Amino acid sequence: VSHDLRTPLSAIMGAATTLVEEERNVSQAERLELTHSICRESTRLERIVSNLLQMTRLESTEPSRDNFDWHSIEEI
């Protein structure tokens, strides 16, 4: 899990840092690629975090206990 979270975060930080610190040395094409990279990796990170939260929610919920009773077919 640690690696899965750190990889997109590192890519986002690297691209953003390059855009900020190398503002004058980055071509328009490179700037566009870095921006796309930030978007891709942030979407990936959001999906991973969302999946982790869903897994945590599922694991913390008690299993449902259905109540099975006999009913006549006419009532149903």
PDB file of N, CA and C in Angstrom:
ATOM      1  N   VAL A   1       0.828  -1.182   0.000  1.00  0.00           N
ATOM      2  CA  VAL A   1       0.000   0.000   0.000  1.00  0.00           C
ATOM      3  C   VAL A   1       0.877   1.251   0.000  1.00  0.00           C
ATOM      4  N   SER A   2       1.925   1.233   0.788  1.00  0.00           N
ATOM      5  CA  SER A   2       2.809   2.387   0.880  1.00  0.00           C
ATOM      6  C   SER A   2       3.370   2.762  -0.488  1.00  0.00           C
ATOM      7  N   HIS A   3       3.833   1.783  -1.227  1.00  0.00           N
ATOM      8  CA  HIS A   3       4.394   2.038  -2.560  1.00  0.00           C
ATOM      9  C   HIS A   3       3.323   2.575  -3.499  1.00  0.00           C
ATOM     10  N   ASP A   4       2.129   2.004  -3.433  1.00  0.00           N
ATOM     11  CA  ASP A   4       1.040   2.433  -4.305  1.00  0.00           C
ATOM     12  C   ASP A   4       0.628   3.880  -4.047  1.00  0.00           C
ATOM     13  N   LEU A   5       0.753   4.331  -2.813  1.00  0.00           N
ATOM     14  CA  LEU A   5       0.416   5.715  -2.495  1.00  0.00           C
ATOM     15  C   LEU A   5       1.559   6.671  -2.826  1.00  0.00           C
ATOM     16  N   ARG A   6       2.770   6.232  -2.584  1.00  0.00           N
ATOM     17  CA  ARG A   6       3.913   7.120  -2.779  1.00  0.00           C
ATOM     18  C   ARG A   6       4.267   7.350  -4.242  1.00  0.00           C
ATOM     19  N   THR A   7       4.032   6.372  -5.103  1.00  0.00           N
ATOM     20  CA  THR A   7       4.412   6.514  -6.504  1.00  0.00           C
ATOM     21  C   THR A   7       3.683   7.668  -7.185  1.00  0.00           C
ATOM     22  N   PRO A   8       2.338   7.715  -7.151  1.00  0.00           N
ATOM     23  CA  PRO A   8       1.681   8.848  -7.798  1.00  0.00           C
ATOM     24  C   PRO A   8       1.965  10.171  -7.088  1.00  0.00           C
ATOM     25  N   LEU A   9       2.098  10.127  -5.775  1.00  0.00           N
ATOM     26  CA  LEU A   9       2.399  11.349  -5.041  1.00  0.00           C
ATOM     27  C   LEU A   9       3.769  11.905  -5.432  1.00  0.00           C
ATOM     28  N   SER A  10       4.745  11.033  -5.593  1.00  0.00           N
ATOM     29  CA  SER A  10       6.080  11.469  -6.020  1.00  0.00           C
ATOM     30  C   SER A  10       6.051  12.069  -7.416  1.00  0.00           C
ATOM     31  N   ALA A  11       5.284  11.447  -8.311  1.00  0.00           N
ATOM     32  CA  ALA A  11       5.169  11.962  -9.677  1.00  0.00           C
ATOM     33  C   ALA A  11       4.514  13.344  -9.683  1.00  0.00           C
ATOM     34  N   ILE A  12       3.482  13.521  -8.872  1.00  0.00           N
ATOM     35  CA  ILE A  12       2.805  14.825  -8.780  1.00  0.00           C
ATOM     36  C   ILE A  12       3.762  15.877  -8.240  1.00  0.00           C
ATOM     37  N   MET A  13       4.447  15.538  -7.161  1.00  0.00           N
ATOM     38  CA  MET A  13       5.378  16.483  -6.558  1.00  0.00           C
ATOM     39  C   MET A  13       6.519  16.841  -7.513  1.00  0.00           C
ATOM     40  N   GLY A  14       7.048  15.842  -8.216  1.00  0.00           N
ATOM     41  CA  GLY A  14       8.132  16.102  -9.158  1.00  0.00           C
ATOM     42  C   GLY A  14       7.706  17.004 -10.299  1.00  0.00           C
ATOM     43  N   ALA A  15       6.544  16.735 -10.876  1.00  0.00           N
ATOM     44  CA  ALA A  15       6.053  17.549 -11.985  1.00  0.00           C
ATOM     45  C   ALA A  15       5.748  18.973 -11.523  1.00  0.00           C
ATOM     46  N   ALA A  16       5.100  19.103 -10.377  1.00  0.00           N
ATOM     47  CA  ALA A  16       4.762  20.432  -9.861  1.00  0.00           C
ATOM     48  C   ALA A  16       6.015  21.224  -9.509  1.00  0.00           C
ATOM     49  N   THR A  17       6.985  20.564  -8.900  1.00  0.00           N
ATOM     50  CA  THR A  17       8.241  21.235  -8.549  1.00  0.00           C
ATOM     51  C   THR A  17       8.963  21.716  -9.804  1.00  0.00           C
ATOM     52  N   THR A  18       8.987  20.888 -10.829  1.00  0.00           N
ATOM     53  CA  THR A  18       9.624  21.284 -12.089  1.00  0.00           C
ATOM     54  C   THR A  18       8.929  22.505 -12.678  1.00  0.00           C
ATOM     55  N   LEU A  19       7.607  22.507 -12.660  1.00  0.00           N
ATOM     56  CA  LEU A  19       6.867  23.656 -13.195  1.00  0.00           C
ATOM     57  C   LEU A  19       7.160  24.931 -12.419  1.00  0.00           C
ATOM     58  N   VAL A  20       7.296  24.827 -11.106  1.00  0.00           N
ATOM     59  CA  VAL A  20       7.516  26.008 -10.273  1.00  0.00           C
ATOM     60  C   VAL A  20       8.971  26.473 -10.337  1.00  0.00           C
ATOM     61  N   GLU A  21       9.923  25.558 -10.155  1.00  0.00           N
ATOM     62  CA  GLU A  21      11.323  25.938 -10.044  1.00  0.00           C
ATOM     63  C   GLU A  21      11.993  26.193 -11.389  1.00  0.00           C
ATOM     64  N   GLU A  22      11.546  25.533 -12.424  1.00  0.00           N
ATOM     65  CA  GLU A  22      12.162  25.677 -13.745  1.00  0.00           C
ATOM     66  C   GLU A  22      11.241  26.406 -14.714  1.00  0.00           C
ATOM     67  N   GLU A  23      10.467  27.329 -14.196  1.00  0.00           N
ATOM     68  CA  GLU A  23       9.433  27.996 -14.985  1.00  0.00           C
ATOM     69  C   GLU A  23       9.953  28.540 -16.315  1.00  0.00           C
ATOM     70  N   ARG A  24      11.102  29.152 -16.315  1.00  0.00           N
ATOM     71  CA  ARG A  24      11.625  29.786 -17.532  1.00  0.00           C
ATOM     72  C   ARG A  24      12.317  28.805 -18.467  1.00  0.00           C
ATOM     73  N   ASN A  25      12.747  27.653 -17.942  1.00  0.00           N
ATOM     74  CA  ASN A  25      13.487  26.693 -18.746  1.00  0.00           C
ATOM     75  C   ASN A  25      12.628  25.574 -19.305  1.00  0.00           C
ATOM     76  N   VAL A  26      11.322  25.595 -19.042  1.00  0.00           N
ATOM     77  CA  VAL A  26      10.434  24.532 -19.487  1.00  0.00           C
ATOM     78  C   VAL A  26       9.671  25.017 -20.726  1.00  0.00           C
ATOM     79  N   SER A  27       9.769  24.233 -21.795  1.00  0.00           N
ATOM     80  CA  SER A  27       9.060  24.590 -23.026  1.00  0.00           C
ATOM     81  C   SER A  27       7.557  24.402 -22.840  1.00  0.00           C
ATOM     82  N   GLN A  28       6.807  24.949 -23.770  1.00  0.00           N
ATOM     83  CA  GLN A  28       5.347  24.822 -23.708  1.00  0.00           C
ATOM     84  C   GLN A  28       4.920  23.355 -23.795  1.00  0.00           C
ATOM     85  N   ALA A  29       5.590  22.568 -24.637  1.00  0.00           N
ATOM     86  CA  ALA A  29       5.261  21.145 -24.779  1.00  0.00           C
ATOM     87  C   ALA A  29       5.570  20.391 -23.488  1.00  0.00           C
ATOM     88  N   GLU A  30       6.715  20.702 -22.862  1.00  0.00           N
ATOM     89  CA  GLU A  30       7.065  20.057 -21.591  1.00  0.00           C
ATOM     90  C   GLU A  30       6.090  20.454 -20.486  1.00  0.00           C
ATOM     91  N   ARG A  31       5.706  21.720 -20.489  1.00  0.00           N
ATOM     92  CA  ARG A  31       4.749  22.205 -19.491  1.00  0.00           C
ATOM     93  C   ARG A  31       3.411  21.467 -19.630  1.00  0.00           C
ATOM     94  N   LEU A  32       2.977  21.276 -20.861  1.00  0.00           N
ATOM     95  CA  LEU A  32       1.729  20.562 -21.108  1.00  0.00           C
ATOM     96  C   LEU A  32       1.830  19.111 -20.651  1.00  0.00           C
ATOM     97  N   GLU A  33       2.954  18.450 -20.950  1.00  0.00           N
ATOM     98  CA  GLU A  33       3.151  17.059 -20.523  1.00  0.00           C
ATOM     99  C   GLU A  33       3.192  16.954 -19.003  1.00  0.00           C
ATOM    100  N   LEU A  34       3.858  17.882 -18.335  1.00  0.00           N
ATOM    101  CA  LEU A  34       3.904  17.872 -16.873  1.00  0.00           C
ATOM    102  C   LEU A  34       2.514  18.079 -16.276  1.00  0.00           C
ATOM    103  N   THR A  35       1.750  18.968 -16.882  1.00  0.00           N
ATOM    104  CA  THR A  35       0.379  19.212 -16.414  1.00  0.00           C
ATOM    105  C   THR A  35      -0.479  17.971 -16.581  1.00  0.00           C
ATOM    106  N   HIS A  36      -0.361  17.298 -17.722  1.00  0.00           N
ATOM    107  CA  HIS A  36      -1.101  16.055 -17.946  1.00  0.00           C
ATOM    108  C   HIS A  36      -0.667  14.978 -16.943  1.00  0.00           C
ATOM    109  N   SER A  37       0.609  14.927 -16.652  1.00  0.00           N
ATOM    110  CA  SER A  37       1.122  13.958 -15.681  1.00  0.00           C
ATOM    111  C   SER A  37       0.514  14.205 -14.300  1.00  0.00           C
ATOM    112  N   ILE A  38       0.437  15.458 -13.899  1.00  0.00           N
ATOM    113  CA  ILE A  38      -0.169  15.798 -12.608  1.00  0.00           C
ATOM    114  C   ILE A  38      -1.629  15.345 -12.581  1.00  0.00           C
ATOM    115  N   CYS A  39      -2.351  15.584 -13.658  1.00  0.00           N
ATOM    116  CA  CYS A  39      -3.769  15.169 -13.723  1.00  0.00           C
ATOM    117  C   CYS A  39      -3.906  13.651 -13.657  1.00  0.00           C
ATOM    118  N   ARG A  40      -3.097  12.926 -14.435  1.00  0.00           N
ATOM    119  CA  ARG A  40      -3.167  11.461 -14.447  1.00  0.00           C
ATOM    120  C   ARG A  40      -2.862  10.875 -13.079  1.00  0.00           C
ATOM    121  N   GLU A  41      -1.776  11.336 -12.492  1.00  0.00           N
ATOM    122  CA  GLU A  41      -1.339  10.768 -11.218  1.00  0.00           C
ATOM    123  C   GLU A  41      -2.273  11.151 -10.067  1.00  0.00           C
ATOM    124  N   SER A  42      -2.853  12.342 -10.110  1.00  0.00           N
ATOM    125  CA  SER A  42      -3.796  12.708  -9.051  1.00  0.00           C
ATOM    126  C   SER A  42      -5.079  11.892  -9.176  1.00  0.00           C
ATOM    127  N   THR A  43      -5.499  11.585 -10.397  1.00  0.00           N
ATOM    128  CA  THR A  43      -6.655  10.713 -10.597  1.00  0.00           C
ATOM    129  C   THR A  43      -6.349   9.309 -10.088  1.00  0.00           C
ATOM    130  N   ARG A  44      -5.154   8.828 -10.380  1.00  0.00           N
ATOM    131  CA  ARG A  44      -4.729   7.509  -9.896  1.00  0.00           C
ATOM    132  C   ARG A  44      -4.698   7.467  -8.373  1.00  0.00           C
ATOM    133  N   LEU A  45      -4.140   8.496  -7.763  1.00  0.00           N
ATOM    134  CA  LEU A  45      -4.057   8.562  -6.306  1.00  0.00           C
ATOM    135  C   LEU A  45      -5.451   8.621  -5.685  1.00  0.00           C
ATOM    136  N   GLU A  46      -6.342   9.390  -6.285  1.00  0.00           N
ATOM    137  CA  GLU A  46      -7.714   9.484  -5.780  1.00  0.00           C
ATOM    138  C   GLU A  46      -8.400   8.126  -5.834  1.00  0.00           C
ATOM    139  N   ARG A  47      -8.180   7.367  -6.909  1.00  0.00           N
ATOM    140  CA  ARG A  47      -8.781   6.036  -7.047  1.00  0.00           C
ATOM    141  C   ARG A  47      -8.247   5.084  -5.984  1.00  0.00           C
ATOM    142  N   ILE A  48      -6.949   5.126  -5.732  1.00  0.00           N
ATOM    143  CA  ILE A  48      -6.344   4.257  -4.723  1.00  0.00           C
ATOM    144  C   ILE A  48      -6.886   4.579  -3.335  1.00  0.00           C
ATOM    145  N   VAL A  49      -6.940   5.863  -2.994  1.00  0.00           N
ATOM    146  CA  VAL A  49      -7.443   6.263  -1.678  1.00  0.00           C
ATOM    147  C   VAL A  49      -8.915   5.892  -1.538  1.00  0.00           C
ATOM    148  N   SER A  50      -9.684   6.098  -2.588  1.00  0.00           N
ATOM    149  CA  SER A  50     -11.101   5.726  -2.565  1.00  0.00           C
ATOM    150  C   SER A  50     -11.266   4.224  -2.335  1.00  0.00           C
ATOM    151  N   ASN A  51     -10.480   3.419  -3.024  1.00  0.00           N
ATOM    152  CA  ASN A  51     -10.534   1.966  -2.836  1.00  0.00           C
ATOM    153  C   ASN A  51     -10.158   1.574  -1.413  1.00  0.00           C
ATOM    154  N   LEU A  52      -9.141   2.213  -0.867  1.00  0.00           N
ATOM    155  CA  LEU A  52      -8.742   1.920   0.517  1.00  0.00           C
ATOM    156  C   LEU A  52      -9.848   2.265   1.499  1.00  0.00           C
ATOM    157  N   LEU A  53     -10.496   3.400   1.295  1.00  0.00           N
ATOM    158  CA  LEU A  53     -11.583   3.793   2.183  1.00  0.00           C
ATOM    159  C   LEU A  53     -12.760   2.831   2.079  1.00  0.00           C
ATOM    160  N   GLN A  54     -13.073   2.391   0.870  1.00  0.00           N
ATOM    161  CA  GLN A  54     -14.159   1.426   0.694  1.00  0.00           C
ATOM    162  C   GLN A  54     -13.821   0.099   1.355  1.00  0.00           C
ATOM    163  N   MET A  55     -12.575  -0.360   1.209  1.00  0.00           N
ATOM    164  CA  MET A  55     -12.164  -1.607   1.850  1.00  0.00           C
ATOM    165  C   MET A  55     -12.251  -1.492   3.361  1.00  0.00           C
ATOM    166  N   THR A  56     -11.825  -0.372   3.903  1.00  0.00           N
ATOM    167  CA  THR A  56     -11.882  -0.145   5.346  1.00  0.00           C
ATOM    168  C   THR A  56     -13.326  -0.152   5.826  1.00  0.00           C
ATOM    169  N   ARG A  57     -14.196   0.498   5.073  1.00  0.00           N
ATOM    170  CA  ARG A  57     -15.610   0.540   5.440  1.00  0.00           C
ATOM    171  C   ARG A  57     -16.219  -0.862   5.426  1.00  0.00           C
ATOM    172  N   LEU A  58     -15.884  -1.642   4.402  1.00  0.00           N
ATOM    173  CA  LEU A  58     -16.414  -3.002   4.312  1.00  0.00           C
ATOM    174  C   LEU A  58     -15.915  -3.884   5.455  1.00  0.00           C
ATOM    175  N   GLU A  59     -14.638  -3.733   5.802  1.00  0.00           N
ATOM    176  CA  GLU A  59     -14.065  -4.557   6.861  1.00  0.00           C
ATOM    177  C   GLU A  59     -14.583  -4.166   8.242  1.00  0.00           C
ATOM    178  N   SER A  60     -14.987  -2.923   8.415  1.00  0.00           N
ATOM    179  CA  SER A  60     -15.445  -2.481   9.733  1.00  0.00           C
ATOM    180  C   SER A  60     -16.935  -2.715   9.950  1.00  0.00           C
ATOM    181  N   THR A  61     -17.654  -3.009   8.905  1.00  0.00           N
ATOM    182  CA  THR A  61     -19.090  -3.233   9.011  1.00  0.00           C
ATOM    183  C   THR A  61     -19.367  -4.668   9.418  1.00  0.00           C
ATOM    184  N   GLU A  62     -20.282  -4.836  10.364  1.00  0.00           N
ATOM    185  CA  GLU A  62     -20.666  -6.185  10.764  1.00  0.00           C
ATOM    186  C   GLU A  62     -21.463  -6.837   9.642  1.00  0.00           C
ATOM    187  N   PRO A  63     -21.296  -8.117   9.474  1.00  0.00           N
ATOM    188  CA  PRO A  63     -22.071  -8.790   8.424  1.00  0.00           C
ATOM    189  C   PRO A  63     -23.559  -8.693   8.731  1.00  0.00           C
ATOM    190  N   SER A  64     -24.339  -8.566   7.685  1.00  0.00           N
ATOM    191  CA  SER A  64     -25.785  -8.448   7.898  1.00  0.00           C
ATOM    192  C   SER A  64     -26.348  -9.791   8.348  1.00  0.00           C
ATOM    193  N   ARG A  65     -27.284  -9.690   9.191  1.00  0.00           N
ATOM    194  CA  ARG A  65     -27.940 -10.898   9.692  1.00  0.00           C
ATOM    195  C   ARG A  65     -29.392 -10.854   9.229  1.00  0.00           C
ATOM    196  N   ASP A  66     -29.630 -11.519   8.130  1.00  0.00           N
ATOM    197  CA  ASP A  66     -30.983 -11.561   7.604  1.00  0.00           C
ATOM    198  C   ASP A  66     -31.861 -12.415   8.491  1.00  0.00           C
ATOM    199  N   ASN A  67     -33.065 -11.974   8.632  1.00  0.00           N
ATOM    200  CA  ASN A  67     -34.027 -12.693   9.448  1.00  0.00           C
ATOM    201  C   ASN A  67     -34.940 -13.477   8.520  1.00  0.00           C
ATOM    202  N   PHE A  68     -34.754 -14.773   8.493  1.00  0.00           N
ATOM    203  CA  PHE A  68     -35.559 -15.631   7.639  1.00  0.00           C
ATOM    204  C   PHE A  68     -36.706 -16.222   8.458  1.00  0.00           C
ATOM    205  N   ASP A  69     -37.902 -15.869   8.059  1.00  0.00           N
ATOM    206  CA  ASP A  69     -39.101 -16.415   8.684  1.00  0.00           C
ATOM    207  C   ASP A  69     -39.961 -17.054   7.603  1.00  0.00           C
ATOM    208  N   TRP A  70     -40.781 -17.986   8.050  1.00  0.00           N
ATOM    209  CA  TRP A  70     -41.715 -18.624   7.129  1.00  0.00           C
ATOM    210  C   TRP A  70     -42.903 -17.698   6.873  1.00  0.00           C
ATOM    211  N   HIS A  71     -43.293 -17.610   5.604  1.00  0.00           N
ATOM    212  CA  HIS A  71     -44.470 -16.827   5.210  1.00  0.00           C
ATOM    213  C   HIS A  71     -45.280 -17.656   4.227  1.00  0.00           C
ATOM    214  N   SER A  72     -46.544 -17.464   4.295  1.00  0.00           N
ATOM    215  CA  SER A  72     -47.382 -18.186   3.328  1.00  0.00           C
ATOM    216  C   SER A  72     -47.252 -17.501   1.968  1.00  0.00           C
ATOM    217  N   ILE A  73     -47.417 -18.256   0.937  1.00  0.00           N
ATOM    218  CA  ILE A  73     -47.274 -17.742  -0.412  1.00  0.00           C
ATOM    219  C   ILE A  73     -48.334 -16.685  -0.699  1.00  0.00           C
ATOM    220  N   GLU A  74     -49.487 -16.778  -0.066  1.00  0.00           N
ATOM    221  CA  GLU A  74     -50.547 -15.804  -0.257  1.00  0.00           C
ATOM    222  C   GLU A  74     -50.134 -14.435   0.276  1.00  0.00           C
ATOM    223  N   GLU A  75     -49.399 -14.423   1.378  1.00  0.00           N
ATOM    224  CA  GLU A  75     -48.948 -13.150   1.943  1.00  0.00           C
ATOM    225  C   GLU A  75     -47.901 -12.471   1.066  1.00  0.00           C
ATOM    226  N   ILE A  76     -47.107 -13.277   0.418  1.00  0.00           N
ATOM    227  CA  ILE A  76     -46.051 -12.734  -0.427  1.00  0.00           C
ATOM    228  C   ILE A  76     -46.661 -12.196  -1.709  1.00  0.00           C
TER     229      ILE A  76
END
